[in-house]
């Protein structure tokens, strides 16, 4: 077994300890050893003269020297060194020899953890969440975003609320120990379940609205009603104060899903009611967290009614929105509104995105294993190339691990297309450079979409496109026999392998999970990996016994 050792020249000790923990786990999967006394030396150093998360790797046959702009970037640089080197998986290691001088192309390389519905982030042991955060640091993530969902609780002091707050703080504190920035999402008019009924917002179709607001819990507050803004700020102050020890770098100010109000005085919400609250919210943030920057989200603009994007572009063109560090948006398949492209605001405003990596074409989300979205992410990236300064991919759990790798690689500029990113993932995680395996993984996107329905007795999950299922199944099951036990038992491989097994079995069992014992065993394994419980929402739970 090859031995490697990390030598800390000036990193923060907490960050270095976490780096050592992550490297040890990585090397153990490859049957190598992290030693404290002997072996191939990797010297790590923080150099403040390196700007914009730049790192420099000088690697030789006997040792490697890594210098990076900050502690967080050291993690990414060490992982990059491993990516460029070669591991056999049987204990052999061949170091990359040469120099890498790399500066990420995007400033905000974030990830959003959805901690709800009793999904993985909500229910997994906190140490498992730490593992995922370490993986993200390896991939160049520099900011972690979470959301305290108020509507579940009557007050911030409710025991269940305190439990959630403590969990979110544990997640953010651990990220900050690495050097990852902390961020929080706050919906403009969200409220506790005990919100005053006479101040509650409307969500029905009226006026210019084309459809009801989605995600409404009917406890949100209307800022146009007398006392509405004060009530919103009262609860917002409570939340900001309880998280004031986190030192948030960003707060994302959010419009819809579950927020919004369709009353005539708030219409159109995105450029009226939403913005009524905004200056008061900015003042409150400045008072409690003066160093925190504001990100303005445009989630679901022009979805419920038309004209929000056009009016927002006019406001931005006239410089009428203060205190905005970034505008957050996401344009499916790269379909950017003409007003955004033609208004000139792209030269004035920094945009970041909120890419969908969990739910697209997928129901239940991750219910059948890995959900590679290579083509979707590539098409979206091509349509918005050069527009975004990074973003926060929306993550519901671990099943979209490959998508996390792809989008963070595109953010950093490590790869310029999603297919090359998948190649990098397969090499890095499975020690494999087989184009057939890369192709098979990419093709799983073809048959991701399935129509679910009940015949009154059992559930059916009809796969729309079955053309490549046999091909994918053969390649992935062959590789399952070739991988070492350590690599083959990793959650990253099991997610891909179980997906191939389930889809193959569905094809040969009338798309009815209950007809196949092999499907049931695979779904049980997925459920265990997700830490799903009886109370886990069906949207984020494998359809076991259905």
Protein backbone atom coordinates (compact mmCIF):
# COMPACT_ATOMS: atom_id res chain seq x y z
CA UNK A 1 0.00 0.00 0.00
CA UNK A 2 1.28 3.42 -0.98
CA UNK A 3 1.66 5.94 1.82
CA UNK A 4 1.05 9.67 1.49
CA UNK A 5 1.34 12.41 4.06
CA UNK A 6 0.02 15.93 4.39
CA UNK A 7 2.33 18.64 5.71
CA UNK A 8 0.63 21.77 7.00
CA UNK A 9 2.74 24.87 6.56
CA UNK A 10 0.27 27.55 7.68
CA UNK A 11 -3.35 26.44 7.22
CA UNK A 12 -5.91 27.04 9.94
CA UNK A 13 -5.64 23.99 12.18
CA UNK A 14 -9.37 23.22 12.14
CA UNK A 15 -9.49 23.34 8.35
CA UNK A 16 -6.37 21.20 8.10
CA UNK A 17 -7.86 18.59 10.46
CA UNK A 18 -10.95 18.37 8.26
CA UNK A 19 -8.77 18.17 5.14
CA UNK A 20 -6.85 15.30 6.72
CA UNK A 21 -10.09 13.51 7.58
CA UNK A 22 -11.36 13.85 4.00
CA UNK A 23 -8.05 12.78 2.46
CA UNK A 24 -7.85 9.75 4.74
CA UNK A 25 -11.31 8.62 3.66
CA UNK A 26 -10.43 9.23 0.00
CA UNK A 27 -7.17 7.28 0.21
CA UNK A 28 -8.71 4.39 2.16
CA UNK A 29 -11.18 3.84 -0.69
CA UNK A 30 -8.15 3.48 -2.96
CA UNK A 31 -6.28 1.18 -0.53
CA UNK A 32 -3.66 3.83 0.20
CA UNK A 33 -2.65 5.15 3.61
CA UNK A 34 -2.45 8.66 5.01
CA UNK A 35 0.65 8.57 7.17
CA UNK A 36 1.96 11.14 9.61
CA UNK A 37 5.60 10.15 9.35
CA UNK A 38 6.48 8.78 5.90
CA UNK A 39 5.37 8.54 2.31
CA UNK A 40 4.81 10.87 -0.63
CA UNK A 41 4.66 14.36 0.88
CA UNK A 42 2.00 16.91 -0.03
CA UNK A 43 2.86 20.30 1.42
CA UNK A 44 -0.10 22.69 1.76
CA UNK A 45 0.17 26.41 2.26
CA UNK A 46 -2.11 29.48 2.23
CA UNK A 47 -0.69 32.44 0.31
CA UNK A 48 -2.71 35.65 0.63
CA UNK A 49 -1.00 37.06 -2.47
CA UNK A 50 -3.03 34.61 -4.56
CA UNK A 51 -6.37 36.25 -5.34
CA UNK A 52 -9.80 35.06 -6.45
CA UNK A 53 -9.43 31.51 -5.07
CA UNK A 54 -6.37 30.83 -7.20
CA UNK A 55 -4.17 27.86 -6.44
CA UNK A 56 -0.77 26.70 -7.71
CA UNK A 57 0.36 23.07 -7.66
CA UNK A 58 4.01 22.15 -8.24
CA UNK A 59 4.33 18.39 -8.26
CA UNK A 60 7.37 16.16 -8.52
CA UNK A 61 8.08 12.45 -8.34
CA UNK A 62 9.00 12.76 -4.66
CA UNK A 63 6.60 15.39 -3.34
CA UNK A 64 4.04 18.07 -4.19
CA UNK A 65 3.78 21.70 -3.09
CA UNK A 66 0.34 23.32 -3.03
CA UNK A 67 -0.25 27.01 -2.47
CA UNK A 68 -3.77 28.43 -2.41
CA UNK A 69 -5.50 31.72 -1.74
CA UNK A 70 -7.30 30.49 1.38
CA UNK A 71 -8.06 27.41 3.46
CA UNK A 72 -11.12 26.44 1.45
CA UNK A 73 -9.19 26.60 -1.81
CA UNK A 74 -6.50 24.29 -0.41
CA UNK A 75 -9.15 21.55 -0.22
CA UNK A 76 -10.01 22.04 -3.90
CA UNK A 77 -6.33 22.10 -4.87
CA UNK A 78 -5.55 18.83 -3.07
CA UNK A 79 -8.49 17.17 -4.80
CA UNK A 80 -7.30 18.55 -8.16
CA UNK A 81 -3.89 17.01 -7.52
CA UNK A 82 -5.55 13.64 -6.88
CA UNK A 83 -7.68 14.04 -10.03
CA UNK A 84 -4.61 14.58 -12.20
CA UNK A 85 -2.71 11.72 -10.53
CA UNK A 86 -3.45 8.01 -10.94
CA UNK A 87 -4.67 5.45 -8.42
CA UNK A 88 -5.03 1.77 -9.23
CA UNK A 89 -7.53 1.15 -6.46
CA UNK A 90 -5.22 -1.63 -5.24
CA UNK A 91 -2.84 0.59 -3.31
CA UNK A 92 -0.70 1.94 -6.16
CA UNK A 93 -0.27 5.68 -6.70
CA UNK A 94 1.41 7.59 -9.55
CA UNK A 95 1.62 11.32 -8.83
CA UNK A 96 0.91 13.95 -11.41
CA UNK A 97 4.21 15.63 -12.31
CA UNK A 98 4.15 19.23 -13.47
CA UNK A 99 2.55 22.56 -12.59
CA UNK A 100 -1.08 23.65 -12.40
CA UNK A 101 -1.91 27.34 -11.98
CA UNK A 102 -5.68 27.66 -11.72
CA UNK A 103 -8.13 30.46 -10.97
CA UNK A 104 -11.86 29.59 -10.91
CA UNK A 105 -13.95 31.44 -13.46
CA UNK A 106 -16.90 32.09 -11.09
CA UNK A 107 -16.86 33.85 -7.74
CA UNK A 108 -19.85 32.10 -6.09
CA UNK A 109 -19.54 28.32 -6.34
CA UNK A 110 -22.30 27.39 -3.97
CA UNK A 111 -24.68 24.63 -3.02
CA UNK A 112 -28.15 24.81 -1.48
CA UNK A 113 -29.13 22.10 1.02
CA UNK A 114 -32.91 21.62 1.17
CA UNK A 115 -33.41 20.54 4.80
CA UNK A 116 -37.06 19.54 4.70
CA UNK A 117 -39.55 16.70 4.04
CA UNK A 118 -37.40 14.43 6.24
CA UNK A 119 -34.97 14.03 3.35
CA UNK A 120 -31.27 13.17 3.67
CA UNK A 121 -30.18 16.62 4.86
CA UNK A 122 -33.05 16.68 7.33
CA UNK A 123 -32.61 13.23 8.88
CA UNK A 124 -29.16 11.74 8.19
CA UNK A 125 -26.67 11.64 11.09
CA UNK A 126 -24.86 14.96 11.18
CA UNK A 127 -21.52 13.22 10.49
CA UNK A 128 -22.91 12.08 7.13
CA UNK A 129 -23.73 15.70 6.29
CA UNK A 130 -20.18 16.63 7.22
CA UNK A 131 -18.92 14.05 4.71
CA UNK A 132 -20.92 15.70 1.94
CA UNK A 133 -19.62 19.16 2.89
CA UNK A 134 -16.07 17.83 2.69
CA UNK A 135 -16.79 16.40 -0.76
CA UNK A 136 -18.11 19.77 -1.87
CA UNK A 137 -14.95 21.52 -0.66
CA UNK A 138 -12.92 19.03 -2.72
CA UNK A 139 -14.97 20.09 -5.75
CA UNK A 140 -14.37 23.80 -5.28
CA UNK A 141 -17.57 24.78 -3.49
CA UNK A 142 -16.99 27.98 -1.54
CA UNK A 143 -20.47 28.86 -0.20
CA UNK A 144 -23.23 26.82 1.45
CA UNK A 145 -26.84 28.01 1.49
CA UNK A 146 -29.61 26.81 3.83
CA UNK A 147 -33.16 27.90 4.68
CA UNK A 148 -34.99 28.02 8.01
CA UNK A 149 -38.55 27.14 6.98
CA UNK A 150 -40.81 28.98 9.44
CA UNK A 151 -44.24 27.70 8.49
CA UNK A 152 -43.81 24.43 10.44
CA UNK A 153 -43.66 26.20 13.79
CA UNK A 154 -45.86 28.43 15.93
CA UNK A 155 -42.84 30.30 17.24
CA UNK A 156 -39.10 30.36 17.04
CA UNK A 157 -38.92 28.96 20.59
CA UNK A 158 -40.93 25.82 19.78
CA UNK A 159 -38.73 22.77 20.59
CA UNK A 160 -38.93 21.45 17.03
CA UNK A 161 -37.88 24.88 15.76
CA UNK A 162 -34.93 24.99 18.14
CA UNK A 163 -33.90 21.52 16.97
CA UNK A 164 -33.92 22.62 13.33
CA UNK A 165 -32.05 25.84 14.10
CA UNK A 166 -29.35 23.89 15.91
CA UNK A 167 -29.03 21.46 12.98
CA UNK A 168 -28.68 24.29 10.47
CA UNK A 169 -26.08 25.94 12.67
CA UNK A 170 -24.11 22.70 12.96
CA UNK A 171 -24.10 22.40 9.17
CA UNK A 172 -23.00 25.99 8.60
CA UNK A 173 -20.42 26.01 11.39
CA UNK A 174 -18.78 22.89 9.96
CA UNK A 175 -18.64 24.46 6.51
CA UNK A 176 -17.08 27.59 7.99
CA UNK A 177 -14.38 25.52 9.71
CA UNK A 178 -13.25 24.47 6.24
CA UNK A 179 -13.42 28.05 5.01
CA UNK A 180 -16.71 27.73 3.10
CA UNK A 181 -18.90 30.82 3.41
CA UNK A 182 -22.33 30.57 5.03
CA UNK A 183 -25.52 31.85 3.42
CA UNK A 184 -29.22 31.79 4.27
CA UNK A 185 -32.36 32.03 2.17
CA UNK A 186 -35.31 34.03 3.50
CA UNK A 187 -38.69 34.24 1.75
CA UNK A 188 -40.03 37.80 1.63
CA UNK A 189 -43.37 37.25 3.39
CA UNK A 190 -43.07 33.80 4.95
CA UNK A 191 -44.46 33.45 8.47
CA UNK A 192 -44.99 31.15 11.42
CA UNK A 193 -48.10 28.97 11.62
CA UNK A 194 -49.40 31.33 14.31
CA UNK A 195 -49.36 34.39 12.06
CA UNK A 196 -52.30 36.81 12.54
CA UNK A 197 -55.13 35.66 10.29
CA UNK A 198 -56.24 39.19 9.41
CA UNK A 199 -52.77 39.91 7.94
CA UNK A 200 -52.46 36.80 5.80
CA UNK A 201 -51.67 36.95 2.08
CA UNK A 202 -53.87 35.80 -0.77
CA UNK A 203 -52.80 33.06 -3.17
CA UNK A 204 -55.87 32.68 -5.42
CA UNK A 205 -56.11 33.57 -9.12
CA UNK A 206 -57.32 37.15 -9.52
CA UNK A 207 -56.38 40.27 -11.44
CA UNK A 208 -53.59 39.47 -13.91
CA UNK A 209 -52.70 36.14 -12.35
CA UNK A 210 -52.91 33.05 -14.56
CA UNK A 211 -52.73 30.41 -11.82
CA UNK A 212 -52.64 30.00 -8.06
CA UNK A 213 -49.37 30.52 -6.24
CA UNK A 214 -47.70 27.18 -5.58
CA UNK A 215 -46.26 26.11 -2.26
CA UNK A 216 -48.41 28.51 -0.25
CA UNK A 217 -49.17 27.36 3.32
CA UNK A 218 -51.79 30.08 3.80
CA UNK A 219 -49.93 31.64 6.73
CA UNK A 220 -47.85 34.12 4.72
CA UNK A 221 -48.27 37.85 5.39
CA UNK A 222 -49.54 40.53 3.00
CA UNK A 223 -47.28 43.60 3.20
CA UNK A 224 -50.01 45.84 1.76
CA UNK A 225 -52.28 45.36 4.78
CA UNK A 226 -51.90 47.75 7.70
CA UNK A 227 -49.37 46.22 10.08
CA UNK A 228 -48.24 43.63 7.51
CA UNK A 229 -44.70 44.92 7.02
CA UNK A 230 -44.24 45.30 10.78
CA UNK A 231 -45.33 41.69 11.35
CA UNK A 232 -42.96 40.45 8.65
CA UNK A 233 -40.06 42.39 10.14
CA UNK A 234 -40.88 41.20 13.65
CA UNK A 235 -40.45 37.54 12.77
CA UNK A 236 -37.54 38.30 10.46
CA UNK A 237 -35.72 40.02 13.30
CA UNK A 238 -36.16 36.92 15.45
CA UNK A 239 -34.62 34.71 12.79
CA UNK A 240 -31.73 37.04 12.04
CA UNK A 241 -30.89 37.44 15.71
CA UNK A 242 -30.92 33.71 16.41
CA UNK A 243 -28.51 33.14 13.49
CA UNK A 244 -26.38 36.22 14.19
CA UNK A 245 -23.51 34.09 15.55
CA UNK A 246 -23.03 32.45 12.13
CA UNK A 247 -21.52 35.47 10.33
CA UNK A 248 -23.53 34.99 7.18
CA UNK A 249 -21.82 36.16 4.00
CA UNK A 250 -25.06 36.31 2.01
CA UNK A 251 -28.80 36.38 2.52
CA UNK A 252 -30.97 35.45 -0.45
CA UNK A 253 -34.19 37.48 -0.53
CA UNK A 254 -36.79 35.19 -2.13
CA UNK A 255 -40.13 35.95 -3.90
CA UNK A 256 -42.29 32.86 -4.62
CA UNK A 257 -42.81 29.25 -3.65
CA UNK A 258 -43.93 29.55 -0.86
CA UNK A 259 -44.08 33.33 -0.78
CA UNK A 260 -46.15 35.88 -2.64
CA UNK A 261 -49.52 37.61 -2.49
CA UNK A 262 -52.05 38.03 -5.31
CA UNK A 263 -54.09 40.90 -3.84
CA UNK A 264 -54.56 44.01 -6.00
CA UNK A 265 -52.25 46.09 -3.81
CA UNK A 266 -49.37 43.60 -4.13
CA UNK A 267 -49.86 42.78 -7.83
CA UNK A 268 -47.58 42.09 -9.61
CA UNK A 269 -45.80 40.55 -6.65
CA UNK A 270 -42.28 40.36 -8.07
CA UNK A 271 -42.00 44.10 -8.72
CA UNK A 272 -44.56 45.40 -6.23
CA UNK A 273 -45.40 43.61 -2.98
CA UNK A 274 -42.04 41.83 -3.00
CA UNK A 275 -40.20 45.12 -3.35
CA UNK A 276 -42.36 46.92 -0.76
CA UNK A 277 -40.72 44.80 1.91
CA UNK A 278 -37.23 44.91 0.39
CA UNK A 279 -35.85 48.26 1.70
CA UNK A 280 -37.12 47.49 5.21
CA UNK A 281 -35.54 44.04 5.02
CA UNK A 282 -32.20 45.50 3.85
CA UNK A 283 -32.19 47.97 6.75
CA UNK A 284 -32.84 45.15 9.21
CA UNK A 285 -30.04 43.03 7.79
CA UNK A 286 -27.66 45.99 7.90
CA UNK A 287 -28.54 46.58 11.56
CA UNK A 288 -28.07 42.96 12.71
CA UNK A 289 -25.54 41.63 10.18
CA UNK A 290 -23.77 44.69 8.73
CA UNK A 291 -21.23 42.66 6.71
CA UNK A 292 -23.84 40.46 5.02
CA UNK A 293 -24.56 40.97 1.31
CA UNK A 294 -28.03 40.69 -0.23
CA UNK A 295 -28.85 38.44 -3.18
CA UNK A 296 -32.18 39.21 -4.88
CA UNK A 297 -33.91 36.09 -6.20
CA UNK A 298 -36.26 36.10 -9.20
CA UNK A 299 -37.52 32.54 -8.71
CA UNK A 300 -40.72 31.94 -10.75
CA UNK A 301 -40.87 35.46 -12.16
CA UNK A 302 -43.35 35.53 -15.08
CA UNK A 303 -44.68 32.12 -14.05
CA UNK A 304 -47.92 33.22 -12.37
CA UNK A 305 -48.41 36.41 -14.34
CA UNK A 306 -46.59 38.22 -17.14
CA UNK A 307 -44.39 41.29 -17.09
CA UNK A 308 -42.32 40.86 -13.92
CA UNK A 309 -39.01 40.33 -15.71
CA UNK A 310 -39.56 43.28 -18.03
CA UNK A 311 -40.38 45.65 -15.17
CA UNK A 312 -37.47 44.38 -13.08
CA UNK A 313 -35.13 44.99 -16.02
CA UNK A 314 -36.43 48.56 -16.22
CA UNK A 315 -35.80 49.10 -12.49
CA UNK A 316 -32.28 47.67 -12.73
CA UNK A 317 -31.51 49.70 -15.87
CA UNK A 318 -32.51 52.84 -13.96
CA UNK A 319 -30.40 51.82 -10.95
CA UNK A 320 -33.47 51.91 -8.71
CA UNK A 321 -32.58 48.85 -6.63
CA UNK A 322 -29.96 49.46 -3.97
CA UNK A 323 -27.95 46.98 -1.89
CA UNK A 324 -28.14 44.16 -4.43
CA UNK A 325 -24.88 42.22 -4.73
CA UNK A 326 -26.28 39.62 -7.11
CA UNK A 327 -29.50 38.83 -8.96
CA UNK A 328 -30.36 35.13 -8.68
CA UNK A 329 -32.23 33.44 -11.52
CA UNK A 330 -32.50 30.15 -13.35
CA UNK A 331 -33.48 29.74 -16.97
CA UNK A 332 -34.44 26.16 -17.86
CA UNK A 333 -32.62 24.97 -20.97
CA UNK A 334 -30.96 28.39 -21.21
CA UNK A 335 -34.16 30.16 -22.27
CA UNK A 336 -33.28 33.70 -21.18
CA UNK A 337 -36.04 36.37 -21.50
CA UNK A 338 -35.40 38.81 -24.33
CA UNK A 339 -35.72 41.75 -21.97
CA UNK A 340 -32.80 40.41 -19.94
CA UNK A 341 -30.61 39.98 -23.01
CA UNK A 342 -31.53 43.36 -24.55
CA UNK A 343 -31.87 45.71 -21.57
CA UNK A 344 -28.18 46.16 -20.88
CA UNK A 345 -28.52 45.03 -17.26
CA UNK A 346 -26.04 42.17 -17.78
CA UNK A 347 -23.36 44.85 -17.93
CA UNK A 348 -24.59 46.50 -14.74
CA UNK A 349 -25.70 43.62 -12.53
CA UNK A 350 -24.02 40.40 -11.48
CA UNK A 351 -26.18 37.33 -12.06
CA UNK A 352 -25.93 33.99 -10.30
CA UNK A 353 -28.14 30.98 -10.95
CA UNK A 354 -30.15 28.46 -8.95
CA UNK A 355 -29.87 25.37 -11.16
CA UNK A 356 -32.22 22.43 -10.86
CA UNK A 357 -30.17 19.27 -10.24
CA UNK A 358 -32.64 17.23 -8.16
CA UNK A 359 -36.20 17.28 -9.48
CA UNK A 360 -36.04 17.72 -13.25
CA UNK A 361 -37.83 14.80 -14.99
CA UNK A 362 -37.67 12.95 -11.69
CA UNK A 363 -40.53 11.66 -9.52
CA UNK A 364 -40.02 10.72 -6.76
CA UNK A 365 -36.85 12.81 -6.55
CA UNK A 366 -34.02 10.29 -6.48
CA UNK A 367 -36.59 7.54 -5.93
CA UNK A 368 -34.83 5.15 -8.30
CA UNK A 369 -31.21 6.10 -7.64
CA UNK A 370 -28.86 8.47 -9.45
CA UNK A 371 -30.39 11.07 -11.77
CA UNK A 372 -27.61 12.27 -14.13
CA UNK A 373 -28.77 15.39 -15.99
CA UNK A 374 -25.78 15.81 -18.27
CA UNK A 375 -27.66 16.99 -21.36
CA UNK A 376 -30.07 19.22 -19.47
CA UNK A 377 -27.24 20.94 -17.60
CA UNK A 378 -25.19 21.30 -20.79
CA UNK A 379 -28.05 22.86 -22.74
CA UNK A 380 -28.80 25.25 -19.88
CA UNK A 381 -25.09 26.13 -19.56
CA UNK A 382 -24.74 26.82 -23.30
CA UNK A 383 -27.79 29.07 -23.32
CA UNK A 384 -26.50 31.19 -20.43
CA UNK A 385 -22.74 30.93 -20.99
CA UNK A 386 -20.92 34.02 -19.79
CA UNK A 387 -23.98 35.34 -17.99
CA UNK A 388 -23.59 33.89 -14.50
CA UNK A 389 -20.98 34.46 -11.81
CA UNK A 390 -21.75 31.08 -10.26
CA UNK A 391 -24.75 30.02 -8.25
CA UNK A 392 -26.41 27.67 -5.77
CA UNK A 393 -27.58 24.33 -7.24
CA UNK A 394 -30.74 23.06 -5.55
CA UNK A 395 -29.92 19.80 -3.77
CA UNK A 396 -32.49 17.45 -2.21
CA UNK A 397 -29.99 14.79 -1.18
CA UNK A 398 -27.14 12.56 -2.30
CA UNK A 399 -28.72 10.99 -5.37
CA UNK A 400 -27.60 13.90 -7.58
CA UNK A 401 -23.95 13.62 -6.58
CA UNK A 402 -22.80 13.49 -10.20
CA UNK A 403 -24.83 16.62 -10.99
CA UNK A 404 -23.11 18.43 -8.12
CA UNK A 405 -19.74 17.54 -9.65
CA UNK A 406 -20.82 18.67 -13.11
CA UNK A 407 -22.24 22.03 -12.11
CA UNK A 408 -19.38 22.92 -9.75
CA UNK A 409 -16.93 21.97 -12.51
CA UNK A 410 -18.71 24.30 -14.92
CA UNK A 411 -18.73 27.08 -12.32
CA UNK A 412 -15.01 26.79 -11.73
CA UNK A 413 -14.09 26.37 -15.38
CA UNK A 414 -12.39 23.05 -14.69
CA UNK A 415 -14.41 21.71 -17.63
CA UNK A 416 -16.14 23.63 -20.39
CA UNK A 417 -18.84 21.03 -21.04
CA UNK A 418 -20.87 18.57 -19.01
CA UNK A 419 -19.70 15.46 -20.88
CA UNK A 420 -16.06 16.13 -20.03
CA UNK A 421 -17.14 16.73 -16.44
CA UNK A 422 -18.76 13.27 -16.37
CA UNK A 423 -15.49 11.81 -17.69
CA UNK A 424 -13.67 13.52 -14.83
CA UNK A 425 -16.18 12.19 -12.30
CA UNK A 426 -15.83 8.61 -13.56
CA UNK A 427 -12.03 8.84 -13.44
CA UNK A 428 -11.92 10.51 -10.04
CA UNK A 429 -14.57 8.46 -8.25
CA UNK A 430 -14.39 5.07 -10.00
CA UNK A 431 -10.75 5.09 -11.26
CA UNK A 432 -12.07 4.37 -14.72
CA UNK A 433 -11.48 5.96 -18.12
CA UNK A 434 -13.80 3.69 -20.09
CA UNK A 435 -15.83 5.69 -22.60
CA UNK A 436 -18.53 3.01 -22.58
CA UNK A 437 -19.18 3.58 -18.88
CA UNK A 438 -19.25 7.35 -19.41
CA UNK A 439 -21.73 6.88 -22.24
CA UNK A 440 -23.92 4.50 -20.22
CA UNK A 441 -24.14 6.93 -17.30
CA UNK A 442 -25.02 9.82 -19.60
CA UNK A 443 -27.72 7.75 -21.34
CA UNK A 444 -29.61 7.14 -18.09
CA UNK A 445 -31.00 10.65 -18.57
CA UNK A 446 -32.92 9.34 -21.62
CA UNK A 447 -35.14 7.15 -19.48
CA UNK A 448 -35.28 9.27 -16.35
CA UNK A 449 -38.82 10.45 -17.01
CA UNK A 450 -41.57 8.00 -16.08
CA UNK A 451 -45.32 8.29 -15.68
CA UNK A 452 -46.56 7.07 -12.31
CA UNK A 453 -50.13 5.94 -11.72
CA UNK A 454 -52.13 3.42 -9.72
CA UNK A 455 -54.38 0.78 -11.22
CA UNK A 456 -56.22 0.54 -7.90
CA UNK A 457 -53.97 -2.22 -6.60
CA UNK A 458 -50.33 -1.34 -7.30
CA UNK A 459 -48.29 1.57 -8.62
CA UNK A 460 -46.93 1.64 -12.16
CA UNK A 461 -43.86 3.63 -13.20
CA UNK A 462 -43.89 3.58 -16.99
CA UNK A 463 -40.56 4.70 -18.45
CA UNK A 464 -41.13 6.91 -21.48
CA UNK A 465 -37.93 6.02 -23.37
CA UNK A 466 -36.65 2.48 -22.85
CA UNK A 467 -34.36 2.27 -25.88
CA UNK A 468 -31.02 2.19 -24.02
CA UNK A 469 -31.99 0.34 -20.84
CA UNK A 470 -30.49 -3.02 -21.85
CA UNK A 471 -27.30 -1.38 -23.13
CA UNK A 472 -26.85 0.66 -19.95
CA UNK A 473 -27.65 -2.32 -17.73
CA UNK A 474 -25.04 -4.53 -19.40
CA UNK A 475 -22.24 -1.98 -19.14
CA UNK A 476 -22.95 -0.92 -15.57
CA UNK A 477 -23.43 -4.47 -14.23
CA UNK A 478 -20.19 -5.53 -15.95
CA UNK A 479 -18.34 -2.70 -14.26
CA UNK A 480 -19.95 -3.61 -10.95
CA UNK A 481 -17.98 -6.87 -11.12
CA UNK A 482 -14.72 -5.12 -12.01
CA UNK A 483 -14.62 -2.41 -9.33
CA UNK A 484 -12.82 -3.01 -6.05
CA UNK A 485 -14.97 -3.63 -3.00
CA UNK A 486 -14.17 -0.18 -1.61
CA UNK A 487 -15.10 1.72 -4.78
CA UNK A 488 -18.02 -0.58 -5.63
CA UNK A 489 -19.60 -0.15 -2.20
CA UNK A 490 -19.37 3.66 -2.21
CA UNK A 491 -22.71 5.46 -2.25
CA UNK A 492 -21.69 7.17 -5.51
CA UNK A 493 -21.40 3.87 -7.37
CA UNK A 494 -24.34 2.20 -5.64
CA UNK A 495 -26.64 5.04 -6.73
CA UNK A 496 -25.68 4.46 -10.37
CA UNK A 497 -25.73 0.68 -10.15
CA UNK A 498 -29.10 0.48 -8.36
CA UNK A 499 -30.60 2.86 -10.90
CA UNK A 500 -29.54 0.52 -13.74
CA UNK A 501 -30.89 -2.53 -11.90
CA UNK A 502 -34.25 -0.96 -11.08
CA UNK A 503 -34.84 0.35 -14.59
CA UNK A 504 -33.92 -3.00 -16.12
CA UNK A 505 -36.25 -4.84 -13.74
CA UNK A 506 -39.08 -2.38 -14.39
CA UNK A 507 -38.71 -3.00 -18.12
CA UNK A 508 -39.17 -6.74 -17.60
CA UNK A 509 -41.89 -6.50 -14.93
CA UNK A 510 -44.54 -4.30 -16.58
CA UNK A 511 -43.04 -1.25 -14.81
CA UNK A 512 -44.53 -2.45 -11.50
CA UNK A 513 -41.99 -2.34 -8.63
CA UNK A 514 -43.98 -4.83 -6.53
CA UNK A 515 -43.59 -7.54 -9.18
CA UNK A 516 -39.82 -7.77 -8.65
CA UNK A 517 -38.11 -8.81 -5.43
CA UNK A 518 -34.88 -7.42 -6.87
CA UNK A 519 -36.48 -3.99 -7.23
CA UNK A 520 -37.75 -4.13 -3.66
CA UNK A 521 -34.27 -4.96 -2.38
CA UNK A 522 -32.78 -2.10 -4.40
CA UNK A 523 -35.41 0.36 -3.17
CA UNK A 524 -34.78 -0.75 0.40
CA UNK A 525 -31.07 -0.09 -0.01
CA UNK A 526 -31.80 3.37 -1.43
CA UNK A 527 -34.18 4.12 1.44
CA UNK A 528 -31.47 3.20 3.93
CA UNK A 529 -28.93 5.37 2.09
CA UNK A 530 -31.35 8.32 2.23
CA UNK A 531 -32.24 7.69 5.90
CA UNK A 532 -35.87 7.71 4.84
CA UNK A 533 -38.50 7.12 7.53
CA UNK A 534 -42.22 6.42 7.57
CA UNK A 535 -42.72 10.17 7.79
CA UNK A 536 -40.49 11.05 4.84
CA UNK A 537 -42.42 12.88 2.16
CA UNK A 538 -43.18 10.63 -0.86
CA UNK A 539 -41.54 13.17 -3.14
CA UNK A 540 -38.12 12.39 -1.63
CA UNK A 541 -38.63 8.72 -0.82
CA UNK A 542 -38.06 5.58 -2.95
CA UNK A 543 -41.45 3.92 -3.71
CA UNK A 544 -40.75 0.86 -1.56
CA UNK A 545 -43.70 -1.57 -1.25
CA UNK A 546 -45.82 0.54 -3.62
